[in-house]
Protein backbone atom coordinates (compact mmCIF):
# COMPACT_ATOMS: atom_id res chain seq x y z
CA MET A 1 16.15 18.14 -5.34
CA SER A 2 13.30 20.05 -3.71
CA GLN A 3 11.88 18.75 -0.43
CA PHE A 4 8.40 19.32 -1.92
CA VAL A 5 7.91 17.54 -5.25
CA VAL A 6 4.74 18.09 -7.30
CA PHE A 7 2.97 15.38 -9.34
CA PRO A 8 -0.27 15.54 -11.33
CA TYR A 9 -2.75 13.16 -9.77
CA GLU A 10 -2.62 9.89 -11.64
CA HIS A 11 -3.10 6.91 -9.41
CA GLN A 12 -0.24 4.94 -10.90
CA LEU A 13 2.10 7.84 -10.13
CA LEU A 14 0.81 7.92 -6.57
CA GLN A 15 1.35 4.17 -6.18
CA GLN A 16 4.92 4.53 -7.41
CA GLN A 17 5.66 7.32 -4.94
CA ILE A 18 4.16 5.38 -2.05
CA ALA A 19 6.24 2.32 -2.95
CA GLU A 20 9.43 4.36 -3.26
CA HIS A 21 9.03 6.13 0.10
CA ALA A 22 7.79 3.02 1.93
CA GLN A 23 10.84 1.18 0.51
CA THR A 24 8.65 -1.64 -0.72
CA GLY A 25 7.51 -3.15 -4.00
CA LEU A 26 4.85 -1.63 -6.24
CA SER A 27 2.88 -4.89 -6.14
CA VAL A 28 2.67 -4.63 -2.33
CA VAL A 29 1.03 -1.20 -2.64
CA GLN A 30 -1.34 -2.37 -5.36
CA ARG A 31 -2.57 -5.32 -3.28
CA LYS A 32 -3.63 -3.17 -0.37
CA MET A 33 -7.28 -2.29 0.19
CA GLN A 34 -6.13 1.09 1.56
CA ASP A 35 -4.72 1.87 -1.90
CA ASP A 36 -8.06 0.97 -3.47
CA TYR A 37 -9.78 3.23 -0.94
CA LEU A 38 -7.43 6.12 -1.79
CA ARG A 39 -8.18 5.68 -5.49
CA GLY A 40 -11.93 5.95 -4.86
CA TYR A 41 -11.55 8.84 -2.45
CA LEU A 42 -9.28 10.96 -4.63
CA THR A 43 -11.50 10.35 -7.65
CA ALA A 44 -14.63 11.35 -5.70
CA MET A 45 -12.90 14.48 -4.37
CA ALA A 46 -11.62 15.41 -7.86
CA ALA A 47 -7.96 15.56 -6.79
CA LYS A 48 -5.79 17.33 -9.36
CA CYS A 49 -2.30 16.97 -7.92
CA PHE A 50 -0.28 15.78 -4.93
CA ILE A 51 2.90 17.05 -3.33
CA VAL A 52 5.42 14.68 -1.78
CA GLU A 53 7.19 16.06 1.29
CA THR A 54 10.25 13.85 1.06
CA ARG A 55 11.44 14.02 4.71
CA TYR A 56 9.03 14.32 7.59
CA VAL A 57 9.27 13.56 11.32
CA ASP A 58 6.17 11.80 12.61
CA ARG A 59 5.96 11.62 16.40
CA ASP A 60 3.96 8.39 16.51
CA TYR A 61 6.30 6.57 14.16
CA LEU A 62 9.32 7.90 16.05
CA GLU A 63 7.97 6.30 19.24
CA GLU A 64 7.25 3.07 17.38
CA HIS A 65 10.78 3.16 15.97
CA ALA A 66 12.25 3.62 19.45
CA ALA A 67 10.04 0.93 21.01
CA TYR A 68 10.58 -1.73 18.37
CA TYR A 69 12.31 -1.05 15.05
CA VAL A 70 15.56 0.43 16.38
CA ARG A 71 16.37 -2.99 17.88
CA CYS A 72 15.90 -4.84 14.59
CA PHE A 73 18.93 -6.05 12.62
CA ARG A 74 17.58 -4.35 9.50
CA PRO A 75 18.34 -0.59 9.64
CA TYR A 76 14.85 0.90 9.46
CA GLU A 77 14.74 4.61 8.63
CA ARG A 78 13.71 7.08 11.33
CA PHE A 79 12.11 9.59 9.00
CA CYS A 80 8.86 9.33 7.06
CA SER A 81 7.48 11.05 3.98
CA ARG A 82 4.20 12.94 3.76
CA ILE A 83 1.93 13.25 0.72
CA HIS A 84 -0.43 16.25 0.46
CA PHE A 85 -3.48 16.20 -1.85
CA PHE A 86 -5.08 19.16 -3.62
CA GLY A 87 -8.22 19.83 -5.61
CA GLU A 88 -6.35 22.23 -7.92
CA ALA A 89 -3.42 21.63 -10.26
CA PHE A 90 -0.08 23.24 -9.37
CA SER A 91 3.22 23.18 -11.22
CA GLN A 92 6.62 22.56 -9.64
CA GLU A 93 7.55 26.18 -10.42
CA GLN A 94 4.48 27.50 -8.57
CA ILE A 95 5.18 25.37 -5.49
CA ASP A 96 8.86 26.37 -5.51
CA CYS A 97 7.76 30.03 -5.56
CA ILE A 98 5.33 29.47 -2.69
CA VAL A 99 7.94 27.61 -0.62
CA ALA A 100 10.52 30.33 -1.28
CA GLY A 101 8.07 33.06 -0.28
CA ALA A 102 8.16 34.63 -3.73
CA SER A 103 4.53 34.03 -4.75
CA GLY A 104 1.61 36.39 -4.51
CA GLN A 105 -1.08 36.00 -1.85
CA GLY A 106 -3.58 34.82 -4.48
CA LEU A 107 -1.58 31.70 -5.30
CA THR A 108 -1.03 30.92 -1.62
CA ASP A 109 -4.77 31.30 -0.91
CA LEU A 110 -5.54 28.96 -3.82
CA LEU A 111 -3.21 26.37 -2.27
CA LEU A 112 -4.92 26.73 1.12
CA ASN A 113 -8.45 26.47 -0.29
CA ALA A 114 -7.65 23.45 -2.49
CA TYR A 115 -6.22 21.35 0.36
CA LEU A 116 -7.75 17.86 0.74
CA GLY A 117 -5.47 16.49 3.45
CA PHE A 118 -2.41 14.29 3.80
CA VAL A 119 -1.13 10.78 4.38
CA VAL A 120 2.16 9.92 6.12
CA ILE A 121 4.13 7.08 4.51
CA LYS A 122 6.24 5.13 7.00
CA PRO A 123 9.47 3.44 5.77
CA LEU A 124 8.13 -0.05 6.46
CA PRO A 125 7.83 -2.82 3.86
CA GLN A 126 4.24 -3.91 4.65
CA MET A 127 2.30 -1.63 7.04
CA PHE A 128 3.30 1.80 5.74
CA PHE A 129 0.13 3.95 5.84
CA GLY A 130 0.74 6.24 8.81
CA ARG A 131 -1.18 9.22 10.14
CA THR A 132 -3.81 10.07 7.53
CA CYS A 133 -6.01 13.15 7.75
CA LEU A 134 -8.39 13.61 4.83
CA LYS A 135 -11.27 15.97 4.21
CA THR A 136 -14.63 14.25 4.62
CA TYR A 137 -16.83 13.29 1.71
CA PRO A 138 -19.38 15.83 0.43
CA PRO A 139 -23.14 15.27 1.06
CA ASP A 140 -24.71 12.13 -0.41
CA GLY A 141 -26.37 12.43 -3.77
CA ASP A 142 -29.32 10.27 -2.69
CA GLY A 143 -30.80 12.91 -0.36
CA SER A 144 -29.60 11.37 2.90
CA ARG A 145 -27.52 13.47 5.23
CA ARG A 146 -23.99 12.80 6.42
CA TYR A 147 -22.88 13.83 9.90
CA TYR A 148 -19.30 13.79 11.16
CA PRO A 149 -19.57 15.05 14.76
CA ALA A 150 -16.21 13.63 15.87
CA LEU A 151 -13.98 15.76 13.65
CA VAL A 152 -11.07 17.83 14.92
CA GLY A 153 -8.80 20.36 13.22
CA TYR A 154 -5.36 19.31 11.97
CA LYS A 155 -2.56 21.59 10.81
CA ALA A 156 0.13 20.73 8.30
CA HIS A 157 2.98 23.23 8.10
CA VAL A 158 4.77 23.39 4.77
CA ALA A 159 7.68 25.86 4.64
CA GLY A 160 5.89 28.25 6.99
CA ILE A 161 2.48 27.86 5.30
CA GLU A 162 -0.23 26.48 7.57
CA LEU A 163 -2.56 24.09 5.75
CA SER A 164 -5.60 22.90 7.68
CA VAL A 165 -8.18 20.13 7.38
CA GLU A 166 -11.14 19.04 9.53
CA SER A 167 -10.82 15.28 9.93
CA LEU A 168 -10.15 12.44 12.35
CA ALA A 169 -6.71 10.90 12.06
CA PHE A 170 -6.42 7.33 10.75
CA GLN A 171 -3.57 4.90 10.36
CA GLU A 172 -3.00 1.31 9.37
CA GLN A 173 -2.29 -1.22 12.08
CA ASP A 174 1.31 -2.23 12.53
CA HIS A 175 1.73 -5.80 13.77
CA GLY A 176 5.02 -4.84 15.37
CA VAL A 177 3.62 -2.40 17.93
CA ALA A 178 -0.15 -2.34 17.33
CA ALA A 179 -3.10 -4.27 15.97
CA CYS A 180 -6.56 -3.20 14.84
CA ALA A 181 -7.91 -2.42 18.33
CA THR A 182 -4.88 -0.23 19.08
CA SER A 183 -5.33 1.66 15.79
CA ALA A 184 -9.04 2.10 16.56
CA LEU A 185 -8.25 3.48 20.03
CA TRP A 186 -5.59 5.78 18.60
CA SER A 187 -8.15 7.32 16.25
CA ALA A 188 -10.73 7.63 19.04
CA PHE A 189 -8.22 9.32 21.36
CA GLN A 190 -7.53 11.92 18.65
CA ALA A 191 -11.03 13.29 19.32
CA THR A 192 -11.38 12.64 23.06
CA GLY A 193 -7.92 14.10 23.72
CA ARG A 194 -9.09 17.44 22.38
CA LEU A 195 -12.48 17.21 24.07
CA PHE A 196 -11.21 16.24 27.51
CA GLN A 197 -7.57 17.39 27.39
CA HIS A 198 -5.94 14.02 28.02
CA PRO A 199 -2.62 12.92 26.48
CA ILE A 200 -2.91 11.38 23.01
CA LEU A 201 -0.73 8.28 23.17
CA SER A 202 1.14 6.77 20.27
CA PRO A 203 0.08 3.26 19.13
CA ALA A 204 3.09 1.75 20.92
CA ALA A 205 2.18 3.56 24.17
CA ILE A 206 -1.49 2.50 23.85
CA THR A 207 -0.48 -1.15 23.52
CA GLN A 208 1.82 -0.89 26.54
CA ALA A 209 -0.86 0.87 28.63
CA ALA A 210 -3.53 -1.65 27.65
CA VAL A 211 -1.55 -4.66 28.84
CA SER A 212 -0.04 -3.02 31.92
CA SER A 213 -2.47 -4.83 34.23
CA GLY A 214 -0.61 -8.06 33.53
CA ARG A 215 -0.88 -9.94 30.26
CA LEU A 216 0.70 -13.36 29.89
CA GLY A 217 3.09 -13.44 26.97
CA ARG A 218 4.66 -10.74 24.83
CA VAL A 219 3.65 -7.11 24.47
CA PHE A 220 5.52 -6.70 21.15
CA PRO A 221 4.92 -7.92 18.50
CA SER A 222 1.31 -7.11 19.25
CA GLU A 223 -1.35 -9.75 18.62
CA GLY A 224 -4.22 -7.42 19.44
CA LEU A 225 -6.22 -6.33 22.48
CA ASN A 226 -9.24 -7.92 24.09
CA THR A 227 -12.23 -5.98 25.43
CA GLU A 228 -10.81 -5.73 28.93
CA GLU A 229 -7.52 -4.36 27.60
CA ILE A 230 -9.33 -1.79 25.46
CA CYS A 231 -11.10 -0.54 28.57
CA GLN A 232 -7.79 -0.51 30.46
CA ALA A 233 -6.27 1.69 27.73
CA CYS A 234 -9.13 4.17 28.20
CA ARG A 235 -8.46 4.30 31.95
CA ALA A 236 -4.74 4.82 31.28
CA VAL A 237 -5.47 8.24 29.72
CA GLY A 238 -7.90 9.25 32.50
CA LEU A 239 -11.16 8.24 30.82
CA ASP A 240 -13.82 5.71 31.70
CA ALA A 241 -15.04 3.11 29.22
CA GLU A 242 -18.77 2.84 28.57
CA LEU A 243 -19.28 -0.75 27.42
CA PHE A 244 -22.28 -2.01 25.45
CA SER A 245 -22.94 -5.52 24.20
CA PHE A 246 -25.03 -6.21 21.12
CA PRO A 247 -26.61 -9.64 21.11
CA ALA A 248 -29.06 -10.48 18.31
CA GLN A 249 -31.55 -7.63 18.58
CA PRO A 250 -33.40 -5.03 16.50
CA GLU A 251 -31.00 -2.82 14.57
CA ALA A 252 -32.80 0.28 15.92
CA ASP A 253 -31.23 -0.38 19.35
CA PHE A 254 -27.73 -0.41 17.89
CA LYS A 255 -28.40 2.72 15.85
CA THR A 256 -29.83 4.67 18.79
CA VAL A 257 -26.86 3.94 21.07
CA VAL A 258 -24.31 4.79 18.38
CA GLN A 259 -26.03 8.04 17.39
CA ALA A 260 -26.44 9.12 21.02
CA TYR A 261 -22.68 9.21 21.62
CA LEU A 262 -21.49 10.19 18.14
CA SER A 263 -23.75 13.25 18.25
CA GLY A 264 -21.72 14.50 21.20
CA GLY A 265 -18.47 14.16 19.25
CA LEU A 266 -17.47 10.93 21.00
CA PRO A 267 -16.08 8.24 18.66
CA VAL A 268 -17.33 4.70 19.25
CA VAL A 269 -14.84 1.83 19.19
CA LEU A 270 -16.79 -1.08 17.74
CA LEU A 271 -15.72 -4.70 18.12
CA VAL A 272 -17.19 -6.87 15.38
CA GLU A 273 -17.03 -10.37 13.98
CA LEU A 274 -16.29 -10.43 10.25
CA LEU A 275 -18.13 -13.18 8.38
CA ASN A 276 -17.63 -14.57 4.85
CA LEU A 277 -13.90 -13.89 4.77
CA PRO A 278 -11.88 -16.33 2.63
CA GLN A 279 -9.90 -17.41 5.71
CA GLY A 280 -13.01 -17.76 7.89
CA PRO A 281 -14.58 -15.59 10.65
CA ALA A 282 -12.33 -13.07 12.38
CA LEU A 283 -12.62 -10.52 15.18
CA HIS A 284 -11.94 -6.93 14.23
CA ALA A 285 -12.15 -3.41 15.70
CA VAL A 286 -13.07 -0.14 13.98
CA THR A 287 -13.77 3.40 15.14
CA LEU A 288 -17.12 4.92 14.21
CA SER A 289 -16.77 8.63 13.49
CA GLY A 290 -19.97 9.58 11.68
CA PHE A 291 -23.32 8.47 10.34
CA SER A 292 -25.80 9.08 7.57
CA THR A 293 -29.57 9.36 8.04
CA GLY A 294 -32.50 8.50 5.82
CA ALA A 295 -36.19 9.34 5.97
CA SER A 296 -37.65 6.15 7.44
CA LEU A 297 -38.39 5.98 11.17
CA GLU A 298 -38.55 2.60 12.88
CA GLY A 299 -40.30 2.62 16.25
CA CYS A 300 -40.16 5.72 18.41
CA TRP A 301 -36.44 6.56 18.23
CA ARG A 302 -34.99 9.01 15.73
CA GLY A 303 -31.75 7.07 15.88
CA SER A 304 -33.48 4.35 13.87
CA ARG A 305 -33.12 6.65 10.84
CA VAL A 306 -29.38 5.97 10.76
CA SER A 307 -28.79 4.14 7.47
CA LYS A 308 -24.98 4.08 7.38
CA VAL A 309 -22.10 4.57 9.74
CA TYR A 310 -18.62 5.80 8.77
CA ALA A 311 -15.75 3.87 10.27
CA HIS A 312 -12.01 4.21 10.50
CA ASP A 313 -11.24 0.65 9.44
CA ASP A 314 -7.47 0.29 9.49
CA GLN A 315 -7.61 -2.34 6.72
CA ILE A 316 -9.74 -0.13 4.43
CA GLY A 317 -9.37 3.58 5.15
CA PRO A 318 -10.88 6.55 7.02
CA PHE A 319 -14.62 7.21 6.89
CA ALA A 320 -15.27 3.81 5.28
CA ARG A 321 -18.98 3.46 4.60
CA MET A 322 -20.86 0.63 6.35
CA ALA A 323 -24.59 0.24 5.73
CA VAL A 324 -26.63 -0.85 8.76
CA THR A 325 -29.20 -3.57 8.18
CA SER A 326 -30.43 -6.91 9.52
CA ALA A 327 -29.70 -10.34 8.09
CA GLU A 328 -29.76 -13.99 9.04
CA VAL A 329 -26.15 -14.99 9.66
CA GLN A 330 -24.41 -17.59 11.79
CA ALA A 331 -22.07 -15.77 14.14
CA SER A 332 -19.95 -17.33 16.86
CA GLY A 333 -22.18 -18.91 19.48
CA ASP A 334 -25.09 -19.43 17.07
CA THR A 335 -26.15 -23.02 16.45
CA GLN A 336 -28.02 -21.95 13.32
CA PRO A 337 -28.47 -18.80 11.23
CA THR A 338 -29.97 -16.07 13.42
CA GLU A 339 -31.14 -12.56 12.60
CA HIS A 340 -28.49 -10.06 13.68
CA THR A 341 -27.77 -6.41 13.14
CA VAL A 342 -25.06 -6.46 10.47
CA LEU A 343 -22.86 -3.86 8.79
CA THR A 344 -21.77 -4.18 5.19
CA THR A 345 -18.05 -3.69 4.63
CA SER A 346 -15.53 -2.99 1.88
CA TRP A 347 -13.57 -6.16 2.66
CA LEU A 348 -13.11 -8.56 -0.25
CA ASP A 349 -14.71 -11.99 0.03
CA GLY A 350 -13.47 -15.19 -1.64
CA ASN A 351 -14.95 -14.09 -4.96
CA GLY A 352 -13.35 -10.65 -4.84
CA GLU A 353 -16.74 -9.00 -4.14
CA ARG A 354 -17.63 -6.45 -1.47
CA SER A 355 -20.29 -4.13 0.00
CA GLY A 356 -23.28 -6.44 0.18
CA VAL A 357 -25.00 -8.62 2.78
CA ALA A 358 -23.94 -11.67 0.78
CA ASN A 359 -20.29 -10.56 0.96
CA VAL A 360 -18.15 -9.82 4.03
CA VAL A 361 -20.33 -8.41 6.82
CA ALA A 362 -19.51 -7.22 10.34
CA VAL A 363 -21.68 -8.38 13.23
CA PRO A 364 -21.42 -5.88 16.13
CA LEU A 365 -20.44 -7.59 19.38
CA TYR A 366 -19.39 -4.76 21.71
CA ALA A 367 -19.08 -1.00 21.62
CA VAL A 368 -16.60 0.84 23.85
CA VAL A 369 -17.10 4.58 24.23
CA PRO A 370 -14.21 6.44 25.92
CA VAL A 371 -15.96 9.01 28.13
CA TYR A 372 -14.87 11.63 30.65
CA HIS A 373 -15.09 10.22 34.17
CA LYS A 374 -17.69 12.81 35.21
CA ILE A 375 -20.13 11.52 32.57
CA ARG A 376 -21.68 8.89 34.80
CA LEU A 377 -25.16 8.46 33.32
CA SER A 378 -25.25 5.94 30.48
CA ALA A 379 -27.43 6.23 27.40
CA ARG A 380 -28.80 2.74 28.03
CA HIS A 381 -30.63 3.86 31.20
CA LEU A 382 -32.28 6.83 29.51
CA ILE A 383 -33.23 4.81 26.43
CA ARG A 384 -34.90 2.25 28.67
CA ASP A 385 -36.75 4.91 30.66
CA VAL A 386 -37.95 6.87 27.64
CA ASP A 387 -39.06 3.61 25.99
CA ARG A 388 -41.20 2.94 29.05
CA LEU A 389 -42.63 6.46 29.05
CA HIS A 390 -43.42 6.25 25.33
CA CYS A 391 -45.18 2.88 25.74
CA LEU A 392 -47.33 4.22 28.57
CA LEU A 393 -48.20 7.40 26.67
CA THR A 394 -49.03 5.41 23.55
CA ALA A 395 -51.32 3.10 25.52
CA LEU A 396 -53.05 6.09 27.07
CA ALA A 397 -53.45 7.75 23.66
CA GLN A 398 -55.13 4.61 22.34
CA ALA A 399 -57.56 4.57 25.26
CA ILE A 400 -58.64 8.21 25.04
CA GLU A 401 -58.48 10.88 22.35
CA LEU A 402 -55.62 13.28 22.99
CA PRO A 403 -55.13 16.71 21.48
CA ARG A 404 -52.39 17.33 18.93
CA PRO A 405 -49.52 17.85 18.71
CA ARG A 406 -48.13 15.23 21.06
CA ALA A 407 -44.72 13.60 21.39
CA SER A 408 -44.50 10.57 19.12
CA ASN A 409 -40.78 10.16 18.43
CA TRP A 410 -37.70 10.76 20.52
CA GLY A 411 -34.03 11.53 20.06
CA ILE A 412 -31.17 11.31 22.52
CA GLU A 413 -27.77 13.01 22.27
CA LEU A 414 -24.90 13.64 24.67
CA ARG A 415 -23.99 17.32 24.37
CA MET A 416 -21.64 19.91 25.85
CA LEU A 417 -23.35 22.93 27.41
CA SER A 418 -21.25 25.39 25.41
CA GLU A 419 -22.47 23.83 22.14
CA LEU A 420 -26.08 23.82 23.31
CA LYS A 421 -26.01 27.51 24.24
CA ARG A 422 -24.44 28.38 20.91
CA GLU A 423 -27.25 26.51 19.13
CA TRP A 424 -29.94 28.13 21.30
CA ARG A 425 -28.56 31.58 20.49
CA GLN A 426 -28.77 30.84 16.75
CA ASP A 427 -32.14 29.00 16.86
CA ALA A 428 -34.75 31.26 15.26
CA SER A 429 -37.55 28.80 16.12
CA LEU A 430 -36.88 28.96 19.87
CA PRO A 431 -39.34 31.36 21.58
CA ALA A 432 -37.64 34.58 22.67
CA ALA A 433 -38.68 34.12 26.31
CA GLU A 434 -37.16 30.63 26.41
CA LYS A 435 -33.97 31.87 24.79
CA ALA A 436 -33.64 34.70 27.30
CA ARG A 437 -34.18 32.23 30.16
CA LEU A 438 -31.83 29.51 28.93
CA LEU A 439 -28.77 31.44 27.76
CA PRO A 440 -27.74 32.72 31.22
CA ALA A 441 -28.97 29.55 33.00
CA PHE A 442 -26.56 27.65 35.27
CA LEU A 443 -26.61 24.12 33.83
CA PRO A 444 -24.31 21.05 33.89
CA ARG A 445 -21.41 20.97 31.46
CA PHE A 446 -22.29 17.47 30.21
CA THR A 447 -25.95 17.07 29.32
CA TRP A 448 -28.10 14.37 27.81
CA VAL A 449 -30.68 15.99 25.53
CA ILE A 450 -33.90 14.01 25.01
CA THR A 451 -35.80 15.61 22.14
CA ALA A 452 -39.52 15.04 21.65
CA ARG A 453 -41.05 15.56 18.21
CA ASP A 454 -44.50 15.10 16.71
CA ASP A 455 -45.63 12.94 13.78
CA ASP A 456 -44.51 15.65 11.35
CA ASP A 457 -41.02 15.71 12.90
CA VAL A 458 -41.56 19.15 14.42
CA PRO A 459 -39.56 19.71 17.68
CA LEU A 460 -41.86 20.10 20.69
CA PHE A 461 -39.59 20.14 23.73
CA ASP A 462 -36.14 18.99 24.92
CA ILE A 463 -35.57 17.40 28.30
CA LEU A 464 -32.08 18.19 29.62
CA ILE A 465 -30.62 15.48 31.86
CA ASP A 466 -27.58 16.02 34.07
CA ALA A 467 -25.09 13.47 32.66
CA THR A 468 -22.99 13.71 35.84
CA ASP A 469 -25.86 12.35 37.98
CA THR A 470 -26.46 8.71 38.91
CA CYS A 471 -28.66 6.32 36.98
CA ASP A 472 -31.08 6.26 39.93
CA GLY A 473 -31.34 10.01 40.06
CA ALA A 474 -31.76 10.81 36.35
CA CYS A 475 -31.80 14.47 37.35
CA ILE A 476 -33.78 16.71 35.01
CA ALA A 477 -31.71 19.87 34.79
CA ASP A 478 -34.19 21.85 32.67
CA VAL A 479 -36.63 21.61 29.78
CA VAL A 480 -36.48 23.59 26.54
CA VAL A 481 -40.14 24.20 25.70
CA ARG A 482 -40.99 24.96 22.08
CA ASP A 483 -44.63 23.89 22.23
CA ALA A 484 -46.08 24.53 25.69
CA ALA A 485 -49.33 22.61 25.03
CA SER A 486 -47.47 19.43 24.08
CA PHE A 487 -45.13 19.62 27.07
CA ASP A 488 -48.04 20.28 29.45
CA LEU A 489 -49.90 17.28 28.01
CA THR A 490 -46.85 15.02 28.46
CA THR A 491 -46.23 16.14 32.04
CA GLN A 492 -49.92 15.82 32.95
CA MET A 493 -49.81 12.21 31.78
CA ALA A 494 -46.55 11.66 33.67
CA LEU A 495 -48.18 13.09 36.82
CA ALA A 496 -51.17 10.78 36.36
CA LEU A 497 -48.91 7.77 35.85
CA ALA A 498 -46.74 8.63 38.86
CA SER A 499 -49.78 8.95 41.12
CA THR A 500 -51.45 5.73 39.90
CA PRO A 501 -51.04 2.88 42.41
CA ASP A 502 -48.93 -0.01 41.08
CA ALA A 503 -48.21 1.80 37.80
CA PRO A 504 -44.94 0.51 36.22
CA VAL A 505 -43.28 3.93 36.36
CA SER A 506 -39.56 4.57 36.42
CA ARG A 507 -37.56 7.08 38.41
CA PHE A 508 -37.33 9.12 35.21
CA ILE A 509 -41.14 9.45 35.03
CA GLU A 510 -41.23 10.39 38.70
CA ARG A 511 -38.56 13.03 38.08
CA LEU A 512 -40.50 14.39 35.11
CA SER A 513 -43.67 14.64 37.18
CA GLU A 514 -41.75 16.33 40.03
CA TYR A 515 -40.27 18.83 37.59
CA ALA A 516 -43.72 19.59 36.18
CA ALA A 517 -45.14 20.10 39.65
CA GLU A 518 -42.30 22.48 40.61
CA ARG A 519 -42.57 24.34 37.33
C-alpha cells in the first residue's frame, strides 16, 4: 500500500480516515467541534481532495509520547499520520507518478499551487488533532478587510516535494501533557520563535517550564496554567510577558490594544471567561492571530474599527472568528449584569446554538503578549498619552477655528524597522524628500508607529517612538511627515500646551514639543 493515499474530498470519508488513524471511534470524531470547523473550512476553501500520509514523525507528539504516553500500560503508537488538503482533484495514479518522480513539471506545479495545508492526526483516542497548518480564509464578502499579521511559513515535504503554506500552527489541547493555555502559548511561540529566534518548545516542555517556579501538585496530567504560569513560560524561552487586564470598559480600548500588537506580528494570548455553557462558566485561553476591520470609527482610535478577531481556539479550530461587541452579562465578580466587552464564539450552548451574544460568549479578562525583552515601552502608556494629546487638541479646536487638515484619528502599531523601510520604499504617496531622508536613517529596530489621519482618513504624519526606551522617556525617534501643514499645526499646539503653566501635559507632549523645536 502506498504511503500517500488519495481520497476525493467528502467529509464522511475524511471522518473515517481521521477515526482510523487516531485509533478511535467514528462517533468520537463526529462529536468534536474541530471536525465541524474542518467541514466548514474545507467547504469554504472548495477542497477537492485530500492525501493521507500514513506514517509521519511529529516532533511535538514524540516529546509528549516520551514525557507521558510511553509510561502508560496501553501501548500508544509513536508515529502519527498527516492529512494534506488540496483545491484540485488528483487521482491515485497521478500522485503515485509525482511521488515516483515520473510526472511532468506541470502536474507537480498544479499540486504545489493547489495546496491548502495539513493536519497531523495523533494516535490518541480523544485528543487527536495535532499540528494543523491551514491556509487562511479569503477576504470577507461583506467588504470588511481581514488581516493576519502573525503568519509564518511552513513546509511539508512529501517524497522530496516541498509544499508550503502561510499559516500559524494550531493543535488541540491534550489533557495528558497540556491544557488550553499551553496550546495557546504553543501557537503564539510559533510566531515569536521566528521573530525573535527563541526555541519553540513542545506542549509538554511548555507545561514543564511554566510550573518550574514551584507548583503544588502534579505537572502531568495537566490541569491548565494560571496567568502567572503563562508569564513564566514566556520568560522560559527568553521573552517578557506584557500583561493587560480588561475590566468592564469600552470595547474600543480592548480593540486598540489587540490591534497594536497584532499589527507587529505578535500573537496575543487571551484569557477569557466563557458564559452560557451548559456546564456553567469556565475559564479558557485562546491565541489571537488576526483581525477584521469595518468602516465605523468609535472615538479617536483607528483600532476601534476592529469588528472581529481570529483566534486559535483549541476546542474549535485555527482562525476561529469571534465578533467583538458589548453586552450586559454577569461575569465572575459581578453582583448583577454589567456591560462588558464580549466576543462571540463557535462553542455550542445548551440548545446547540452558537455565534450570537445570546449564546456562548467570551468575556476578556487578561491578555498576555510574549515580547522580546528589549521592547520595554508598553502600548498602554502611549495610548494614554495620545488620548490626552487628542483631548487637549480637540478642546483647543472647539475654542478657536483651526485650519484643515488636522489630526482627528490615531492608530498605533508595533513595527520592525526592516518592515517599515520596505513599506516606505514602496509608498508612492510618501514625498520623495522624506523617502530619501528616511531610508538611510539610523533608527531603532523596534518602533511604535503612531499614525495621525484626518477626518477623511488621509494619512498626515507618523510619529516613530523608540520601543526600547522607558515609559518616562517616550523617546521620539523620528516623524514621517506626509502633510507638513498638519504636522506643524499639531506641534505648534503641543508647544503651546507644554509652555502653559499648570497645563495637564504628559512627557509625550513635552517630547513632541522638544522634537518640533529641534526640527
